[in-house]
């Protein structure tokens, strides 16, 4: 059976993609949370409409591209460094999804026990974090 917290967490995962709503749920009632979610959806819709209007303006497009290029130039090494630091984990996840798609996880565990252990540890850490978030 799904409790109220799990419902809120699913809403969070689908809409907010962050932990802020969990705090709101602990502090407010379900009715207030519904109002907050409705307000958030309205705000997102208005921002989308505003962007649709602005992207017709060539000056806005030019400024946006310039800002994006500056951000890319400033941070291009960070992404490469992060990839290099997590290279083993990325390979493990890639292999995991390959064997998952082939519906043959036993072969993955037998062939790459170290990669399987990495993926398993990552999943366990995520579960522990979820439990800690629920307790707060």
Protein backbone atom coordinates (compact mmCIF):
# COMPACT_ATOMS: atom_id res chain seq x y z
CA UNK A 1 0.00 0.00 0.00
CA UNK A 2 1.29 3.45 -0.91
CA UNK A 3 1.33 6.00 1.90
CA UNK A 4 1.04 9.78 1.58
CA UNK A 5 4.80 10.26 1.75
CA UNK A 6 5.41 7.95 -1.20
CA UNK A 7 2.78 9.79 -3.25
CA UNK A 8 4.45 13.11 -2.47
CA UNK A 9 7.85 11.66 -3.33
CA UNK A 10 6.55 10.46 -6.71
CA UNK A 11 5.15 13.92 -7.37
CA UNK A 12 8.50 15.40 -6.43
CA UNK A 13 10.36 13.06 -8.73
CA UNK A 14 8.08 13.85 -11.65
CA UNK A 15 7.73 17.61 -11.19
CA UNK A 16 10.40 19.21 -9.05
CA UNK A 17 13.40 16.89 -9.39
CA UNK A 18 14.64 18.05 -5.98
CA UNK A 19 14.05 17.61 -2.28
CA UNK A 20 12.33 20.93 -1.45
CA UNK A 21 8.79 19.54 -1.55
CA UNK A 22 9.66 16.91 1.07
CA UNK A 23 10.32 19.70 3.54
CA UNK A 24 7.05 21.35 2.51
CA UNK A 25 5.17 18.09 3.07
CA UNK A 26 6.60 17.70 6.56
CA UNK A 27 5.61 21.25 7.42
CA UNK A 28 2.23 21.61 5.65
CA UNK A 29 -0.88 19.59 5.04
CA UNK A 30 -1.77 17.77 1.81
CA UNK A 31 -4.19 20.56 0.79
CA UNK A 32 -1.44 23.17 1.07
CA UNK A 33 0.93 20.93 -0.88
CA UNK A 34 -1.68 20.62 -3.65
CA UNK A 35 -1.97 24.42 -3.77
CA UNK A 36 1.81 24.76 -3.95
CA UNK A 37 2.04 22.22 -6.77
CA UNK A 38 -0.75 23.97 -8.70
CA UNK A 39 1.00 27.32 -8.27
CA UNK A 40 4.27 25.77 -9.44
CA UNK A 41 2.62 24.34 -12.57
CA UNK A 42 1.06 27.74 -13.36
CA UNK A 43 4.40 29.47 -12.91
CA UNK A 44 6.12 26.96 -15.21
CA UNK A 45 3.42 27.49 -17.85
CA UNK A 46 3.83 31.28 -17.69
CA UNK A 47 7.62 30.99 -17.95
CA UNK A 48 7.24 28.71 -20.97
CA UNK A 49 4.88 31.19 -22.68
CA UNK A 50 7.29 34.06 -21.91
CA UNK A 51 10.19 32.11 -23.41
CA UNK A 52 8.16 31.29 -26.53
CA UNK A 53 7.58 35.03 -27.01
CA UNK A 54 11.19 35.97 -26.32
CA UNK A 55 12.76 33.41 -28.63
CA UNK A 56 11.18 35.22 -31.59
CA UNK A 57 13.39 38.22 -30.81
CA UNK A 58 16.76 37.97 -32.66
CA UNK A 59 18.49 40.12 -30.02
CA UNK A 60 17.43 37.68 -27.28
CA UNK A 61 18.68 34.73 -29.33
CA UNK A 62 22.03 36.46 -29.88
CA UNK A 63 22.46 37.26 -26.17
CA UNK A 64 21.41 33.76 -25.14
CA UNK A 65 23.92 32.15 -27.52
CA UNK A 66 26.68 34.45 -26.30
CA UNK A 67 25.90 33.59 -22.66
CA UNK A 68 25.84 29.88 -23.46
CA UNK A 69 29.17 30.08 -25.31
CA UNK A 70 30.81 31.94 -22.42
CA UNK A 71 29.51 29.38 -19.95
CA UNK A 72 30.77 26.53 -22.13
CA UNK A 73 34.21 28.09 -22.50
CA UNK A 74 34.44 28.73 -18.76
CA UNK A 75 33.39 25.21 -17.72
CA UNK A 76 34.40 22.83 -20.49
CA UNK A 77 37.22 21.26 -18.47
CA UNK A 78 34.96 20.56 -15.49
CA UNK A 79 32.77 18.14 -17.43
CA UNK A 80 35.83 16.29 -18.78
CA UNK A 81 37.38 16.05 -15.29
CA UNK A 82 34.12 14.78 -13.81
CA UNK A 83 33.88 12.17 -16.58
CA UNK A 84 37.47 11.04 -15.93
CA UNK A 85 36.79 10.74 -12.19
CA UNK A 86 33.66 8.65 -12.77
CA UNK A 87 34.91 6.66 -15.77
CA UNK A 88 34.73 3.26 -14.04
CA UNK A 89 31.23 3.93 -12.76
CA UNK A 90 30.09 5.09 -16.21
CA UNK A 91 31.45 1.91 -17.78
CA UNK A 92 29.73 -0.18 -15.11
CA UNK A 93 26.40 1.57 -15.69
CA UNK A 94 26.75 1.18 -19.45
CA UNK A 95 27.41 -2.56 -19.12
CA UNK A 96 24.57 -2.91 -16.64
CA UNK A 97 22.05 -1.29 -18.99
CA UNK A 98 23.33 -3.39 -21.91
CA UNK A 99 22.79 -6.64 -20.00
CA UNK A 100 19.52 -5.37 -18.56
CA UNK A 101 18.23 -4.68 -22.07
CA UNK A 102 19.27 -8.19 -23.10
CA UNK A 103 17.54 -9.51 -19.96
CA UNK A 104 20.73 -11.30 -18.90
CA UNK A 105 21.93 -9.76 -15.63
CA UNK A 106 23.34 -13.09 -14.43
CA UNK A 107 25.88 -13.01 -17.25
CA UNK A 108 26.79 -9.44 -16.30
CA UNK A 109 27.37 -10.47 -12.69
CA UNK A 110 29.48 -13.47 -13.77
CA UNK A 111 31.54 -11.62 -16.38
CA UNK A 112 32.08 -8.32 -14.54
CA UNK A 113 31.78 -8.90 -10.79
CA UNK A 114 33.61 -5.65 -9.96
CA UNK A 115 31.29 -3.59 -12.19
CA UNK A 116 28.26 -5.37 -10.77
CA UNK A 117 29.45 -4.52 -7.26
CA UNK A 118 29.89 -0.84 -8.24
CA UNK A 119 26.34 -0.61 -9.58
CA UNK A 120 24.99 -2.44 -6.56
CA UNK A 121 26.81 -0.06 -4.18
CA UNK A 122 25.47 2.95 -6.05
CA UNK A 123 21.89 1.64 -5.78
CA UNK A 124 22.32 0.89 -2.07
CA UNK A 125 23.66 4.41 -1.41
CA UNK A 126 20.64 5.89 -3.20
CA UNK A 127 18.28 3.76 -1.10
CA UNK A 128 20.03 4.79 2.12
CA UNK A 129 19.77 8.44 1.14
CA UNK A 130 16.05 8.02 0.43
CA UNK A 131 15.54 6.47 3.88
CA UNK A 132 17.44 9.35 5.52
CA UNK A 133 15.34 11.89 3.61
CA UNK A 134 12.16 10.14 4.75
CA UNK A 135 13.26 10.27 8.38
CA UNK A 136 13.93 14.02 8.25
